[in-house]
């Protein structure tokens, strides 16, 4: 997947990773880059700044995802690369309300499903097309302190796996993006005031965009901007019980001192 000359859509593109992806795709020579987000003023400002087209869409709604796709197709033609990037989190464990859990599921998982439901038949019919789903290292490991985030990101990875297995021989390309800490509002808070165990190793959104362009060029399923995540996955697969014990120790260190836990060898 070379982005040059392609029609690309990025959701959750007003800021953070989504903005960095959209900006990089413009720089890579995409024929059209559509930045979509529910925050209308922010996504319009972003699009103006980076040279993309803006669309306002709340990806929690399947109708809104379908309307977004239809509008892009009408203006630019078939979509070559669709990046389901929007994501949110919510703290807490099983006590999280059904309403809050459903909201996270809608953004982190169902929005990916809605895009696939619309685009996979079209892409396989013409024998080409690419889906990039942003998940998280939490989707292949776990997320301390947020059941909703961990479970929904696992679901996003599972969906991407299933799509690749089911349609990879019919011309559909699928990649899943699984970064660890990234210096975005999701990690750092609205004003950058939050500091936690992932902050010391956090990378910039532009670094994630670099990894994505490289991963797409290689058509690599799993895109890991933090290479250490692959080692954590190997530890998990080789001895699940040992990995679980290690994660419990990391959780204890996070509760004791959220700022320095990873310095003790977390993961």
C-alpha atoms as a PDB file:
ATOM      1  CA  UNK A   1       0.000   0.000   0.000  1.00  0.00           C
ATOM      2  CA  UNK A   2       1.621   3.153  -1.288  1.00  0.00           C
ATOM      3  CA  UNK A   3      -0.404   6.212  -0.337  1.00  0.00           C
ATOM      4  CA  UNK A   4       0.696   8.287  -3.317  1.00  0.00           C
ATOM      5  CA  UNK A   5      -2.293   8.967  -5.567  1.00  0.00           C
ATOM      6  CA  UNK A   6      -4.789   7.265  -3.244  1.00  0.00           C
ATOM      7  CA  UNK A   7      -8.058   8.376  -1.644  1.00  0.00           C
ATOM      8  CA  UNK A   8      -7.662   8.133   2.130  1.00  0.00           C
ATOM      9  CA  UNK A   9     -10.088   8.658   5.026  1.00  0.00           C
ATOM     10  CA  UNK A  10      -8.948   9.093   8.638  1.00  0.00           C
ATOM     11  CA  UNK A  11     -11.438   9.206  11.511  1.00  0.00           C
ATOM     12  CA  UNK A  12     -10.617  10.839  14.822  1.00  0.00           C
ATOM     13  CA  UNK A  13      -8.460  13.202  12.791  1.00  0.00           C
ATOM     14  CA  UNK A  14      -8.965  16.505  14.587  1.00  0.00           C
ATOM     15  CA  UNK A  15      -5.911  15.947  16.787  1.00  0.00           C
ATOM     16  CA  UNK A  16      -3.435  13.381  18.066  1.00  0.00           C
ATOM     17  CA  UNK A  17      -2.622  10.277  16.053  1.00  0.00           C
ATOM     18  CA  UNK A  18      -5.427  10.908  13.565  1.00  0.00           C
ATOM     19  CA  UNK A  19      -4.168  14.369  12.722  1.00  0.00           C
ATOM     20  CA  UNK A  20      -0.601  13.077  12.378  1.00  0.00           C
ATOM     21  CA  UNK A  21      -1.761  10.320  10.033  1.00  0.00           C
ATOM     22  CA  UNK A  22      -3.796  12.669   7.875  1.00  0.00           C
ATOM     23  CA  UNK A  23      -0.941  15.165   7.669  1.00  0.00           C
ATOM     24  CA  UNK A  24       1.558  12.468   6.732  1.00  0.00           C
ATOM     25  CA  UNK A  25      -0.740  11.057   4.043  1.00  0.00           C
ATOM     26  CA  UNK A  26      -1.006  14.535   2.513  1.00  0.00           C
ATOM     27  CA  UNK A  27       2.795  14.735   2.508  1.00  0.00           C
ATOM     28  CA  UNK A  28       2.994  11.295   0.917  1.00  0.00           C
ATOM     29  CA  UNK A  29       1.052  12.555  -2.087  1.00  0.00           C
ATOM     30  CA  UNK A  30      -2.404  11.091  -1.553  1.00  0.00           C
ATOM     31  CA  UNK A  31      -4.858  12.293  -4.179  1.00  0.00           C
ATOM     32  CA  UNK A  32      -7.357  13.128  -1.442  1.00  0.00           C
ATOM     33  CA  UNK A  33      -7.152  12.949   2.341  1.00  0.00           C
ATOM     34  CA  UNK A  34     -10.417  13.275   4.241  1.00  0.00           C
ATOM     35  CA  UNK A  35     -10.070  14.137   7.925  1.00  0.00           C
ATOM     36  CA  UNK A  36     -13.209  13.158   9.838  1.00  0.00           C
ATOM     37  CA  UNK A  37     -14.144  13.886  13.437  1.00  0.00           C
ATOM     38  CA  UNK A  38     -17.226  14.703  15.513  1.00  0.00           C
ATOM     39  CA  UNK A  39     -15.536  17.933  16.732  1.00  0.00           C
ATOM     40  CA  UNK A  40     -16.510  20.169  13.828  1.00  0.00           C
ATOM     41  CA  UNK A  41     -14.454  23.313  14.599  1.00  0.00           C
ATOM     42  CA  UNK A  42     -11.324  21.300  15.418  1.00  0.00           C
ATOM     43  CA  UNK A  43     -11.415  19.026  12.373  1.00  0.00           C
ATOM     44  CA  UNK A  44     -12.071  21.945  10.039  1.00  0.00           C
ATOM     45  CA  UNK A  45      -9.134  23.835  11.496  1.00  0.00           C
ATOM     46  CA  UNK A  46      -6.923  20.750  11.191  1.00  0.00           C
ATOM     47  CA  UNK A  47      -7.945  20.150   7.587  1.00  0.00           C
ATOM     48  CA  UNK A  48      -7.210  23.762   6.666  1.00  0.00           C
ATOM     49  CA  UNK A  49      -3.799  23.596   8.316  1.00  0.00           C
ATOM     50  CA  UNK A  50      -2.638  20.340   6.718  1.00  0.00           C
ATOM     51  CA  UNK A  51      -4.295  20.569   3.314  1.00  0.00           C
ATOM     52  CA  UNK A  52      -6.945  17.889   3.795  1.00  0.00           C
ATOM     53  CA  UNK A  53     -10.722  17.871   3.330  1.00  0.00           C
ATOM     54  CA  UNK A  54     -12.841  17.977   6.480  1.00  0.00           C
ATOM     55  CA  UNK A  55     -15.938  15.940   7.253  1.00  0.00           C
ATOM     56  CA  UNK A  56     -17.936  16.001  10.475  1.00  0.00           C
ATOM     57  CA  UNK A  57     -18.956  12.507  11.574  1.00  0.00           C
ATOM     58  CA  UNK A  58     -19.817  10.788  14.848  1.00  0.00           C
ATOM     59  CA  UNK A  59     -18.523   7.267  14.244  1.00  0.00           C
ATOM     60  CA  UNK A  60     -20.643   5.862  17.071  1.00  0.00           C
ATOM     61  CA  UNK A  61     -23.468   5.876  14.524  1.00  0.00           C
ATOM     62  CA  UNK A  62     -23.490   3.390  11.650  1.00  0.00           C
ATOM     63  CA  UNK A  63     -25.603   5.814   9.639  1.00  0.00           C
ATOM     64  CA  UNK A  64     -22.990   8.522  10.157  1.00  0.00           C
ATOM     65  CA  UNK A  65     -20.190   6.194   9.016  1.00  0.00           C
ATOM     66  CA  UNK A  66     -22.211   5.252   5.934  1.00  0.00           C
ATOM     67  CA  UNK A  67     -22.918   8.922   5.198  1.00  0.00           C
ATOM     68  CA  UNK A  68     -19.213   9.738   5.533  1.00  0.00           C
ATOM     69  CA  UNK A  69     -18.240   6.994   3.099  1.00  0.00           C
ATOM     70  CA  UNK A  70     -20.947   7.967   0.634  1.00  0.00           C
ATOM     71  CA  UNK A  71     -19.897  11.628   0.690  1.00  0.00           C
ATOM     72  CA  UNK A  72     -16.241  10.742   0.079  1.00  0.00           C
ATOM     73  CA  UNK A  73     -17.120   8.359  -2.748  1.00  0.00           C
ATOM     74  CA  UNK A  74     -19.335  10.937  -4.388  1.00  0.00           C
ATOM     75  CA  UNK A  75     -16.643  13.630  -4.302  1.00  0.00           C
ATOM     76  CA  UNK A  76     -13.443  11.641  -4.798  1.00  0.00           C
ATOM     77  CA  UNK A  77     -14.380   8.160  -5.997  1.00  0.00           C
ATOM     78  CA  UNK A  78     -13.571   4.801  -4.432  1.00  0.00           C
ATOM     79  CA  UNK A  79     -11.797   4.849  -1.080  1.00  0.00           C
ATOM     80  CA  UNK A  80      -8.398   3.156  -1.233  1.00  0.00           C
ATOM     81  CA  UNK A  81      -7.452   3.374   2.451  1.00  0.00           C
ATOM     82  CA  UNK A  82      -9.850   3.799   5.367  1.00  0.00           C
ATOM     83  CA  UNK A  83      -8.279   4.446   8.757  1.00  0.00           C
ATOM     84  CA  UNK A  84     -10.645   3.733  11.660  1.00  0.00           C
ATOM     85  CA  UNK A  85      -8.666   5.723  14.178  1.00  0.00           C
ATOM     86  CA  UNK A  86     -11.159   7.328  16.578  1.00  0.00           C
ATOM     87  CA  UNK A  87     -10.756   6.087  20.143  1.00  0.00           C
ATOM     88  CA  UNK A  88     -11.775   6.919  23.703  1.00  0.00           C
ATOM     89  CA  UNK A  89     -11.223   5.482  27.166  1.00  0.00           C
ATOM     90  CA  UNK A  90     -13.031   5.240  30.488  1.00  0.00           C
ATOM     91  CA  UNK A  91     -11.489   4.325  33.845  1.00  0.00           C
ATOM     92  CA  UNK A  92     -12.634   1.571  36.149  1.00  0.00           C
ATOM     93  CA  UNK A  93     -13.390  -2.132  36.299  1.00  0.00           C
ATOM     94  CA  UNK A  94     -16.619  -4.162  36.289  1.00  0.00           C
ATOM     95  CA  UNK A  95     -18.410  -1.338  38.086  1.00  0.00           C
ATOM     96  CA  UNK A  96     -18.362   0.733  34.890  1.00  0.00           C
ATOM     97  CA  UNK A  97     -21.930   1.472  33.862  1.00  0.00           C
ATOM     98  CA  UNK A  98     -23.449  -0.201  30.833  1.00  0.00           C
ATOM     99  CA  UNK A  99     -23.930   3.235  29.295  1.00  0.00           C
ATOM    100  CA  UNK A 100     -20.246   4.132  29.603  1.00  0.00           C
ATOM    101  CA  UNK A 101     -19.129   0.695  28.423  1.00  0.00           C
ATOM    102  CA  UNK A 102     -21.384   0.865  25.365  1.00  0.00           C
ATOM    103  CA  UNK A 103     -20.045   4.315  24.500  1.00  0.00           C
ATOM    104  CA  UNK A 104     -16.469   2.991  24.490  1.00  0.00           C
ATOM    105  CA  UNK A 105     -17.524  -0.077  22.489  1.00  0.00           C
ATOM    106  CA  UNK A 106     -19.237   2.148  19.935  1.00  0.00           C
ATOM    107  CA  UNK A 107     -16.097   4.186  19.263  1.00  0.00           C
ATOM    108  CA  UNK A 108     -13.313   1.651  19.783  1.00  0.00           C
ATOM    109  CA  UNK A 109     -14.915  -1.380  18.134  1.00  0.00           C
ATOM    110  CA  UNK A 110     -18.249  -0.869  16.427  1.00  0.00           C
ATOM    111  CA  UNK A 111     -17.026   2.065  14.340  1.00  0.00           C
ATOM    112  CA  UNK A 112     -14.441  -0.299  12.815  1.00  0.00           C
ATOM    113  CA  UNK A 113     -17.161  -2.850  12.157  1.00  0.00           C
ATOM    114  CA  UNK A 114     -19.420  -0.268  10.516  1.00  0.00           C
ATOM    115  CA  UNK A 115     -16.644   0.805   8.134  1.00  0.00           C
ATOM    116  CA  UNK A 116     -15.816  -2.806   7.274  1.00  0.00           C
ATOM    117  CA  UNK A 117     -19.466  -3.686   6.733  1.00  0.00           C
ATOM    118  CA  UNK A 118     -19.733  -0.918   4.146  1.00  0.00           C
ATOM    119  CA  UNK A 119     -16.328  -1.121   2.475  1.00  0.00           C
ATOM    120  CA  UNK A 120     -15.289  -4.784   2.436  1.00  0.00           C
ATOM    121  CA  UNK A 121     -17.828  -5.832  -0.245  1.00  0.00           C
ATOM    122  CA  UNK A 122     -16.733  -2.924  -2.455  1.00  0.00           C
ATOM    123  CA  UNK A 123     -13.018  -3.509  -1.954  1.00  0.00           C
ATOM    124  CA  UNK A 124     -13.186  -7.248  -2.533  1.00  0.00           C
ATOM    125  CA  UNK A 125     -15.387  -6.747  -5.601  1.00  0.00           C
ATOM    126  CA  UNK A 126     -12.693  -4.649  -7.243  1.00  0.00           C
ATOM    127  CA  UNK A 127      -9.867  -6.774  -5.805  1.00  0.00           C
ATOM    128  CA  UNK A 128      -8.138  -4.016  -3.852  1.00  0.00           C
ATOM    129  CA  UNK A 129      -8.555  -1.744  -0.858  1.00  0.00           C
ATOM    130  CA  UNK A 130      -7.063  -1.314   2.591  1.00  0.00           C
ATOM    131  CA  UNK A 131      -8.330  -0.985   6.151  1.00  0.00           C
ATOM    132  CA  UNK A 132      -6.121   0.392   8.912  1.00  0.00           C
ATOM    133  CA  UNK A 133      -7.661  -0.056  12.358  1.00  0.00           C
ATOM    134  CA  UNK A 134      -6.132   1.793  15.275  1.00  0.00           C
ATOM    135  CA  UNK A 135      -6.210  -0.392  18.364  1.00  0.00           C
ATOM    136  CA  UNK A 136      -3.509  -0.173  21.046  1.00  0.00           C
ATOM    137  CA  UNK A 137      -0.860  -2.219  22.791  1.00  0.00           C
ATOM    138  CA  UNK A 138      -3.724  -2.739  25.229  1.00  0.00           C
ATOM    139  CA  UNK A 139      -5.371  -4.827  22.522  1.00  0.00           C
ATOM    140  CA  UNK A 140      -2.586  -7.402  22.551  1.00  0.00           C
ATOM    141  CA  UNK A 141      -1.587  -7.001  26.221  1.00  0.00           C
ATOM    142  CA  UNK A 142      -4.045  -5.252  28.566  1.00  0.00           C
ATOM    143  CA  UNK A 143      -4.745  -1.840  30.100  1.00  0.00           C
ATOM    144  CA  UNK A 144      -4.177  -1.311  33.787  1.00  0.00           C
ATOM    145  CA  UNK A 145      -7.038   0.665  35.294  1.00  0.00           C
ATOM    146  CA  UNK A 146      -9.523   0.472  32.410  1.00  0.00           C
ATOM    147  CA  UNK A 147     -11.571  -2.630  31.694  1.00  0.00           C
ATOM    148  CA  UNK A 148     -13.481  -0.813  28.933  1.00  0.00           C
ATOM    149  CA  UNK A 149     -10.342   0.200  27.070  1.00  0.00           C
ATOM    150  CA  UNK A 150      -8.655  -3.205  27.375  1.00  0.00           C
ATOM    151  CA  UNK A 151     -11.693  -5.184  26.249  1.00  0.00           C
ATOM    152  CA  UNK A 152     -12.658  -2.909  23.351  1.00  0.00           C
ATOM    153  CA  UNK A 153      -9.108  -2.744  22.026  1.00  0.00           C
ATOM    154  CA  UNK A 154      -8.881  -6.546  22.153  1.00  0.00           C
ATOM    155  CA  UNK A 155     -12.118  -6.613  20.159  1.00  0.00           C
ATOM    156  CA  UNK A 156     -10.627  -4.231  17.578  1.00  0.00           C
ATOM    157  CA  UNK A 157      -7.603  -6.484  17.122  1.00  0.00           C
ATOM    158  CA  UNK A 158      -9.812  -9.581  16.846  1.00  0.00           C
ATOM    159  CA  UNK A 159     -11.963  -7.908  14.183  1.00  0.00           C
ATOM    160  CA  UNK A 160      -8.896  -6.945  12.144  1.00  0.00           C
ATOM    161  CA  UNK A 161      -7.515 -10.494  12.412  1.00  0.00           C
ATOM    162  CA  UNK A 162     -10.817 -11.984  11.242  1.00  0.00           C
ATOM    163  CA  UNK A 163     -11.071  -9.594   8.297  1.00  0.00           C
ATOM    164  CA  UNK A 164      -7.523 -10.385   7.213  1.00  0.00           C
ATOM    165  CA  UNK A 165      -8.077 -14.143   7.431  1.00  0.00           C
ATOM    166  CA  UNK A 166     -11.452 -14.006   5.691  1.00  0.00           C
ATOM    167  CA  UNK A 167     -10.710 -11.545   2.883  1.00  0.00           C
ATOM    168  CA  UNK A 168      -6.943 -11.290   2.573  1.00  0.00           C
ATOM    169  CA  UNK A 169      -6.964 -13.549  -0.497  1.00  0.00           C
ATOM    170  CA  UNK A 170      -9.608 -11.385  -2.163  1.00  0.00           C
ATOM    171  CA  UNK A 171      -7.494  -8.254  -2.386  1.00  0.00           C
ATOM    172  CA  UNK A 172      -8.310  -6.723   0.992  1.00  0.00           C
ATOM    173  CA  UNK A 173      -5.349  -5.387   2.947  1.00  0.00           C
ATOM    174  CA  UNK A 174      -5.694  -5.070   6.716  1.00  0.00           C
ATOM    175  CA  UNK A 175      -3.344  -3.603   9.294  1.00  0.00           C
ATOM    176  CA  UNK A 176      -3.910  -2.975  12.983  1.00  0.00           C
ATOM    177  CA  UNK A 177      -2.010  -0.194  14.729  1.00  0.00           C
ATOM    178  CA  UNK A 178      -1.012  -0.976  18.328  1.00  0.00           C
ATOM    179  CA  UNK A 179       1.018   1.825  19.914  1.00  0.00           C
ATOM    180  CA  UNK A 180       1.804   2.022  23.602  1.00  0.00           C
ATOM    181  CA  UNK A 181       2.106   5.517  25.125  1.00  0.00           C
ATOM    182  CA  UNK A 182       1.666   8.392  22.658  1.00  0.00           C
ATOM    183  CA  UNK A 183       1.810  12.040  23.639  1.00  0.00           C
ATOM    184  CA  UNK A 184      -1.825  12.839  22.934  1.00  0.00           C
ATOM    185  CA  UNK A 185      -4.728  14.189  24.944  1.00  0.00           C
ATOM    186  CA  UNK A 186      -5.854  10.622  25.675  1.00  0.00           C
ATOM    187  CA  UNK A 187      -2.595   9.957  27.548  1.00  0.00           C
ATOM    188  CA  UNK A 188      -1.681  13.390  28.885  1.00  0.00           C
ATOM    189  CA  UNK A 189      -5.090  14.925  29.582  1.00  0.00           C
ATOM    190  CA  UNK A 190      -6.796  18.008  28.187  1.00  0.00           C
ATOM    191  CA  UNK A 191      -4.004  20.394  29.219  1.00  0.00           C
ATOM    192  CA  UNK A 192      -1.091  17.974  29.320  1.00  0.00           C
ATOM    193  CA  UNK A 193      -1.300  17.796  33.093  1.00  0.00           C
ATOM    194  CA  UNK A 194      -1.454  14.022  33.477  1.00  0.00           C
ATOM    195  CA  UNK A 195       1.675  12.017  34.275  1.00  0.00           C
ATOM    196  CA  UNK A 196       1.662   8.235  34.532  1.00  0.00           C
ATOM    197  CA  UNK A 197       3.760   5.137  34.027  1.00  0.00           C
ATOM    198  CA  UNK A 198       3.513   5.312  30.222  1.00  0.00           C
ATOM    199  CA  UNK A 199       4.619   8.940  29.955  1.00  0.00           C
ATOM    200  CA  UNK A 200       8.409   8.360  30.129  1.00  0.00           C
ATOM    201  CA  UNK A 201       8.351   6.067  27.081  1.00  0.00           C
ATOM    202  CA  UNK A 202       5.676   7.976  25.190  1.00  0.00           C
ATOM    203  CA  UNK A 203       6.368   8.940  21.585  1.00  0.00           C
ATOM    204  CA  UNK A 204       5.024  11.735  19.402  1.00  0.00           C
ATOM    205  CA  UNK A 205       2.054  11.216  17.058  1.00  0.00           C
ATOM    206  CA  UNK A 206       4.401  11.957  14.148  1.00  0.00           C
ATOM    207  CA  UNK A 207       6.484   8.932  15.170  1.00  0.00           C
ATOM    208  CA  UNK A 208       3.347   6.796  14.962  1.00  0.00           C
ATOM    209  CA  UNK A 209       2.652   8.180  11.489  1.00  0.00           C
ATOM    210  CA  UNK A 210       6.180   7.227  10.417  1.00  0.00           C
ATOM    211  CA  UNK A 211       5.610   3.660  11.633  1.00  0.00           C
ATOM    212  CA  UNK A 212       2.259   3.495   9.832  1.00  0.00           C
ATOM    213  CA  UNK A 213       3.656   4.595   6.463  1.00  0.00           C
ATOM    214  CA  UNK A 214       6.425   1.989   6.797  1.00  0.00           C
ATOM    215  CA  UNK A 215       3.996  -0.720   7.903  1.00  0.00           C
ATOM    216  CA  UNK A 216       1.551   0.000   5.088  1.00  0.00           C
ATOM    217  CA  UNK A 217       4.345  -0.096   2.503  1.00  0.00           C
ATOM    218  CA  UNK A 218       5.223  -3.593   3.761  1.00  0.00           C
ATOM    219  CA  UNK A 219       1.526  -4.492   4.157  1.00  0.00           C
ATOM    220  CA  UNK A 220       2.363  -5.639   7.666  1.00  0.00           C
ATOM    221  CA  UNK A 221      -0.669  -6.715   9.703  1.00  0.00           C
ATOM    222  CA  UNK A 222       0.638  -5.666  13.119  1.00  0.00           C
ATOM    223  CA  UNK A 223       2.131  -2.174  13.227  1.00  0.00           C
ATOM    224  CA  UNK A 224       4.040  -1.589  16.469  1.00  0.00           C
ATOM    225  CA  UNK A 225       5.495   1.926  16.856  1.00  0.00           C
ATOM    226  CA  UNK A 226       6.960   0.698  20.177  1.00  0.00           C
ATOM    227  CA  UNK A 227       9.141  -2.331  19.242  1.00  0.00           C
ATOM    228  CA  UNK A 228       9.210  -3.507  22.864  1.00  0.00           C
ATOM    229  CA  UNK A 229       5.534  -4.452  22.602  1.00  0.00           C
ATOM    230  CA  UNK A 230       6.543  -7.407  20.410  1.00  0.00           C
ATOM    231  CA  UNK A 231       8.760  -8.673  23.240  1.00  0.00           C
ATOM    232  CA  UNK A 232       5.931  -8.247  25.752  1.00  0.00           C
ATOM    233  CA  UNK A 233       3.698 -10.281  23.425  1.00  0.00           C
ATOM    234  CA  UNK A 234       6.314 -13.028  23.229  1.00  0.00           C
ATOM    235  CA  UNK A 235       6.536 -13.163  27.023  1.00  0.00           C
ATOM    236  CA  UNK A 236       2.762 -13.383  27.244  1.00  0.00           C
ATOM    237  CA  UNK A 237       2.539 -16.183  24.681  1.00  0.00           C
ATOM    238  CA  UNK A 238       5.446 -18.207  26.060  1.00  0.00           C
ATOM    239  CA  UNK A 239       4.255 -18.254  29.676  1.00  0.00           C
ATOM    240  CA  UNK A 240       0.819 -16.759  30.211  1.00  0.00           C
ATOM    241  CA  UNK A 241       0.766 -17.332  33.981  1.00  0.00           C
ATOM    242  CA  UNK A 242       4.156 -15.725  34.455  1.00  0.00           C
ATOM    243  CA  UNK A 243       3.028 -12.760  32.345  1.00  0.00           C
ATOM    244  CA  UNK A 244      -0.117 -12.371  34.455  1.00  0.00           C
ATOM    245  CA  UNK A 245       1.953 -12.377  37.637  1.00  0.00           C
ATOM    246  CA  UNK A 246       4.235  -9.764  36.120  1.00  0.00           C
ATOM    247  CA  UNK A 247       1.281  -7.590  35.176  1.00  0.00           C
ATOM    248  CA  UNK A 248      -0.081  -7.827  38.708  1.00  0.00           C
ATOM    249  CA  UNK A 249       3.278  -6.654  40.004  1.00  0.00           C
ATOM    250  CA  UNK A 250       3.247  -3.797  37.515  1.00  0.00           C
ATOM    251  CA  UNK A 251      -0.268  -2.867  38.619  1.00  0.00           C
ATOM    252  CA  UNK A 252       0.891  -2.750  42.240  1.00  0.00           C
ATOM    253  CA  UNK A 253       3.788  -0.465  41.274  1.00  0.00           C
ATOM    254  CA  UNK A 254       1.460   1.770  39.287  1.00  0.00           C
ATOM    255  CA  UNK A 255      -0.814   2.153  42.293  1.00  0.00           C
ATOM    256  CA  UNK A 256       2.183   2.920  44.495  1.00  0.00           C
ATOM    257  CA  UNK A 257       3.876   5.380  42.114  1.00  0.00           C
ATOM    258  CA  UNK A 258       2.188   5.927  38.730  1.00  0.00           C
ATOM    259  CA  UNK A 259       5.139   7.941  37.385  1.00  0.00           C
ATOM    260  CA  UNK A 260       7.965   5.418  37.757  1.00  0.00           C
ATOM    261  CA  UNK A 261       6.398   1.962  37.428  1.00  0.00           C
ATOM    262  CA  UNK A 262       7.767   1.193  33.943  1.00  0.00           C
ATOM    263  CA  UNK A 263      11.291   2.005  35.085  1.00  0.00           C
ATOM    264  CA  UNK A 264      11.089  -1.194  37.115  1.00  0.00           C
ATOM    265  CA  UNK A 265      10.612  -3.332  34.015  1.00  0.00           C
ATOM    266  CA  UNK A 266       6.871  -3.300  33.421  1.00  0.00           C
ATOM    267  CA  UNK A 267       5.278  -5.232  30.575  1.00  0.00           C
END
